[in-house]
């Protein structure tokens, strides 16, 4: 991503999945694993894992 696009993407991630990782239209990737999800954020498909114990959302794949 170009730097300006990445900055806008990171802001959108913070406002959406950072605030509510189970929301923003996200869906399960693996049935039965509530914490492995995907969503479209800022024009990019993001596959991510949520670790609620340490309040971390880890993007494992970003397709832009």
C-alpha atoms as a PDB file:
ATOM      1  CA  UNK A   1       0.000   0.000   0.000  1.00  0.00           C
ATOM      2  CA  UNK A   2       1.098   3.529  -0.629  1.00  0.00           C
ATOM      3  CA  UNK A   3       1.904   5.395   2.625  1.00  0.00           C
ATOM      4  CA  UNK A   4      -1.183   7.647   2.489  1.00  0.00           C
ATOM      5  CA  UNK A   5      -3.467   4.678   1.777  1.00  0.00           C
ATOM      6  CA  UNK A   6      -1.859   2.669   4.579  1.00  0.00           C
ATOM      7  CA  UNK A   7      -2.293   5.537   7.058  1.00  0.00           C
ATOM      8  CA  UNK A   8      -5.987   5.823   6.154  1.00  0.00           C
ATOM      9  CA  UNK A   9      -6.345   2.022   6.399  1.00  0.00           C
ATOM     10  CA  UNK A  10      -4.743   1.952   9.852  1.00  0.00           C
ATOM     11  CA  UNK A  11      -7.052   4.742  11.065  1.00  0.00           C
ATOM     12  CA  UNK A  12     -10.071   2.836   9.772  1.00  0.00           C
ATOM     13  CA  UNK A  13      -8.840  -0.384  11.427  1.00  0.00           C
ATOM     14  CA  UNK A  14      -8.506   1.434  14.741  1.00  0.00           C
ATOM     15  CA  UNK A  15     -11.998   2.949  14.514  1.00  0.00           C
ATOM     16  CA  UNK A  16     -13.727  -0.264  13.386  1.00  0.00           C
ATOM     17  CA  UNK A  17     -12.090  -3.569  14.293  1.00  0.00           C
ATOM     18  CA  UNK A  18      -9.961  -1.982  16.994  1.00  0.00           C
ATOM     19  CA  UNK A  19     -13.115  -0.791  18.751  1.00  0.00           C
ATOM     20  CA  UNK A  20     -15.261  -3.879  18.047  1.00  0.00           C
ATOM     21  CA  UNK A  21     -13.334  -6.803  16.514  1.00  0.00           C
ATOM     22  CA  UNK A  22     -16.444  -9.009  16.388  1.00  0.00           C
ATOM     23  CA  UNK A  23     -18.473  -6.296  14.618  1.00  0.00           C
ATOM     24  CA  UNK A  24     -18.082  -4.209  11.446  1.00  0.00           C
ATOM     25  CA  UNK A  25     -19.723  -6.904   9.339  1.00  0.00           C
ATOM     26  CA  UNK A  26     -17.011  -9.444  10.131  1.00  0.00           C
ATOM     27  CA  UNK A  27     -17.683 -13.123   9.552  1.00  0.00           C
ATOM     28  CA  UNK A  28     -16.255 -16.373  10.856  1.00  0.00           C
ATOM     29  CA  UNK A  29     -13.536 -17.946   8.745  1.00  0.00           C
ATOM     30  CA  UNK A  30     -13.658 -21.312  10.525  1.00  0.00           C
ATOM     31  CA  UNK A  31     -17.000 -22.469  11.894  1.00  0.00           C
ATOM     32  CA  UNK A  32     -16.670 -22.997  15.624  1.00  0.00           C
ATOM     33  CA  UNK A  33     -13.681 -20.637  16.007  1.00  0.00           C
ATOM     34  CA  UNK A  34     -15.240 -17.317  16.992  1.00  0.00           C
ATOM     35  CA  UNK A  35     -11.865 -15.558  17.116  1.00  0.00           C
ATOM     36  CA  UNK A  36     -10.705 -16.249  13.536  1.00  0.00           C
ATOM     37  CA  UNK A  37     -12.547 -13.742  11.325  1.00  0.00           C
ATOM     38  CA  UNK A  38     -12.543 -11.718   8.134  1.00  0.00           C
ATOM     39  CA  UNK A  39     -13.914  -8.307   7.224  1.00  0.00           C
ATOM     40  CA  UNK A  40     -13.585  -5.643   4.572  1.00  0.00           C
ATOM     41  CA  UNK A  41     -11.959  -2.549   6.032  1.00  0.00           C
ATOM     42  CA  UNK A  42     -10.961   0.543   4.087  1.00  0.00           C
ATOM     43  CA  UNK A  43     -11.287  -1.273   0.766  1.00  0.00           C
ATOM     44  CA  UNK A  44      -9.115  -4.208   1.863  1.00  0.00           C
ATOM     45  CA  UNK A  45     -10.060  -7.742   2.836  1.00  0.00           C
ATOM     46  CA  UNK A  46      -8.597  -8.462   6.272  1.00  0.00           C
ATOM     47  CA  UNK A  47      -8.328 -11.942   7.778  1.00  0.00           C
ATOM     48  CA  UNK A  48      -7.545 -11.661  11.461  1.00  0.00           C
ATOM     49  CA  UNK A  49      -7.363 -13.457  14.784  1.00  0.00           C
ATOM     50  CA  UNK A  50      -8.619 -11.979  18.042  1.00  0.00           C
ATOM     51  CA  UNK A  51      -6.846 -12.610  21.322  1.00  0.00           C
ATOM     52  CA  UNK A  52      -9.260 -11.239  23.919  1.00  0.00           C
ATOM     53  CA  UNK A  53      -7.036 -12.262  26.835  1.00  0.00           C
ATOM     54  CA  UNK A  54      -4.446  -9.635  25.860  1.00  0.00           C
ATOM     55  CA  UNK A  55      -6.730  -7.311  23.841  1.00  0.00           C
ATOM     56  CA  UNK A  56      -4.936  -7.870  20.527  1.00  0.00           C
ATOM     57  CA  UNK A  57      -6.250  -8.136  16.978  1.00  0.00           C
ATOM     58  CA  UNK A  58      -3.653  -9.680  14.662  1.00  0.00           C
ATOM     59  CA  UNK A  59      -4.138  -9.332  10.907  1.00  0.00           C
ATOM     60  CA  UNK A  60      -2.884 -12.502   9.282  1.00  0.00           C
ATOM     61  CA  UNK A  61      -3.691 -11.483   5.711  1.00  0.00           C
ATOM     62  CA  UNK A  62      -4.525  -8.172   4.068  1.00  0.00           C
ATOM     63  CA  UNK A  63      -5.601  -8.150   0.422  1.00  0.00           C
ATOM     64  CA  UNK A  64      -5.728  -4.692  -1.101  1.00  0.00           C
END
